[in-house]
Amino acid sequence: MTYKYPPTVMNKAIGYFISGLGRTAIGKKVGVPEGTVRKWIDKYKTGEIEHIHYWILPSPNGPISEGECPCGETRVFANSQDGWDRWRKSDGKRPNNQSQEALKTKKQKKSNFNGKL
């Protein structure tokens, strides 16, 4: 079945319904008419559609972020798999010496390429 709205909007709406929000408030929050929200809720209640979590994550600040679904469930997510230990500095900031090295290497490669032209 094809829907006018993307599945993420429907999942957000169902999540807000699970958390106890009313149809009118849900419609305003996700930008969908109340009648559409009512149909989605009815389909959710009859099992025609199921709620798939739609995780809303804050901006990364540290090694992990706590995401929250509109239904109220929370989950912890890793912000980076590469260099997980790099975040574990005493000041909590990401070391930038590696990014500076990468930038130097990139500039060097570019200058070598331009010099061959």
Protein backbone atom coordinates (compact mmCIF):
# COMPACT_ATOMS: atom_id res chain seq x y z
CA MET A 1 0.00 0.00 0.00
CA THR A 2 1.33 3.44 -0.92
CA TYR A 3 1.03 6.30 1.54
CA LYS A 4 1.09 10.04 0.90
CA TYR A 5 3.41 10.59 3.86
CA PRO A 6 6.77 8.90 4.44
CA PRO A 7 6.85 5.98 6.89
CA THR A 8 8.93 8.04 9.32
CA VAL A 9 6.04 10.49 9.79
CA MET A 10 3.62 7.64 10.43
CA ASN A 11 6.05 6.03 12.92
CA LYS A 12 6.46 9.34 14.76
CA ALA A 13 2.68 9.74 14.93
CA ILE A 14 2.15 6.21 16.27
CA GLY A 15 4.97 6.79 18.77
CA TYR A 16 3.31 9.96 20.04
CA PHE A 17 0.01 8.05 20.33
CA ILE A 18 1.70 5.33 22.40
CA SER A 19 3.14 8.01 24.69
CA GLY A 20 -0.40 9.32 25.33
CA LEU A 21 -0.69 12.34 23.03
CA GLY A 22 -4.11 13.05 21.48
CA ARG A 23 -4.89 12.96 17.74
CA THR A 24 -5.11 16.75 17.34
CA ALA A 25 -1.80 17.33 19.12
CA ILE A 26 -0.15 14.57 17.09
CA GLY A 27 -1.42 16.06 13.83
CA LYS A 28 0.00 19.46 14.71
CA LYS A 29 3.29 17.99 15.88
CA VAL A 30 3.95 15.94 12.72
CA GLY A 31 2.15 18.22 10.23
CA VAL A 32 -0.59 15.79 9.20
CA PRO A 33 -4.39 16.23 9.22
CA GLU A 34 -6.17 14.78 12.27
CA GLY A 35 -8.19 12.43 10.05
CA THR A 36 -5.00 10.87 8.71
CA VAL A 37 -3.68 10.42 12.24
CA ARG A 38 -6.99 8.78 13.21
CA LYS A 39 -6.68 6.30 10.32
CA TRP A 40 -3.10 5.45 11.29
CA ILE A 41 -4.10 4.93 14.92
CA ASP A 42 -7.02 2.70 13.89
CA LYS A 43 -4.70 0.62 11.69
CA TYR A 44 -2.19 0.41 14.53
CA LYS A 45 -4.90 -0.79 16.93
CA THR A 46 -6.08 -3.49 14.50
CA GLY A 47 -2.52 -4.63 13.80
CA GLU A 48 -2.46 -3.53 10.14
CA ILE A 49 0.59 -1.39 10.85
CA GLU A 50 3.13 -1.73 13.63
CA HIS A 51 5.18 0.85 15.42
CA ILE A 52 8.82 0.95 14.36
CA HIS A 53 10.95 3.08 16.64
CA TYR A 54 12.01 6.43 15.19
CA TRP A 55 15.06 7.47 17.22
CA ILE A 56 15.66 11.17 17.75
CA LEU A 57 19.28 11.79 18.69
CA PRO A 58 20.87 14.95 20.09
CA SER A 59 24.05 16.36 18.57
CA PRO A 60 27.01 14.12 19.40
CA ASN A 61 28.86 15.21 22.51
CA GLY A 62 31.09 12.48 23.85
CA PRO A 63 31.30 8.77 23.08
CA ILE A 64 27.56 8.04 23.41
CA SER A 65 24.20 9.73 22.85
CA GLU A 66 20.84 8.78 24.28
CA GLY A 67 18.16 8.58 21.61
CA GLU A 68 14.47 8.82 22.32
CA CYS A 69 11.54 7.54 20.31
CA PRO A 70 8.32 9.59 20.40
CA CYS A 71 6.71 6.59 22.14
CA GLY A 72 8.93 7.35 25.14
CA GLU A 73 11.42 4.50 24.85
CA THR A 74 15.10 5.44 25.08
CA ARG A 75 18.24 3.74 23.83
CA VAL A 76 21.96 4.53 24.04
CA PHE A 77 23.90 4.83 20.78
CA ALA A 78 27.65 4.97 20.20
CA ASN A 79 28.67 8.14 18.35
CA SER A 80 31.66 6.48 16.74
CA GLN A 81 32.92 2.95 16.33
CA ASP A 82 36.33 3.95 15.03
CA GLY A 83 38.68 5.04 17.74
CA TRP A 84 36.25 4.42 20.58
CA ASP A 85 39.12 4.88 23.03
CA ARG A 86 40.05 8.28 21.59
CA TRP A 87 37.07 9.82 23.37
CA ARG A 88 38.38 8.69 26.72
CA LYS A 89 40.66 11.65 27.35
CA SER A 90 40.52 13.33 30.71
CA ASP A 91 39.05 16.55 29.28
CA GLY A 92 36.40 14.66 27.27
CA LYS A 93 37.36 16.39 24.01
CA ARG A 94 38.24 14.68 20.78
CA PRO A 95 41.98 14.80 20.04
CA ASN A 96 42.62 16.74 16.85
CA ASN A 97 46.25 15.82 16.15
CA GLN A 98 45.13 12.97 13.87
CA SER A 99 42.79 15.20 11.87
CA GLN A 100 45.59 17.74 11.40
CA GLU A 101 47.89 14.95 10.12
CA ALA A 102 45.21 13.82 7.68
CA LEU A 103 44.81 17.38 6.40
CA LYS A 104 48.57 17.73 5.88
CA THR A 105 48.64 14.46 3.95
CA LYS A 106 45.74 15.58 1.78
CA LYS A 107 47.40 18.93 1.02
CA GLN A 108 50.67 17.19 0.23
CA LYS A 109 48.99 14.79 -2.19
CA LYS A 110 47.22 17.70 -3.86
CA SER A 111 50.42 19.71 -4.25
CA ASN A 112 52.24 16.64 -5.67
CA PHE A 113 49.42 16.14 -8.16
CA ASN A 114 49.40 19.82 -9.20
CA GLY A 115 53.18 19.81 -9.57
CA LYS A 116 52.97 16.96 -12.12
CA LEU A 117 50.64 18.90 -14.41
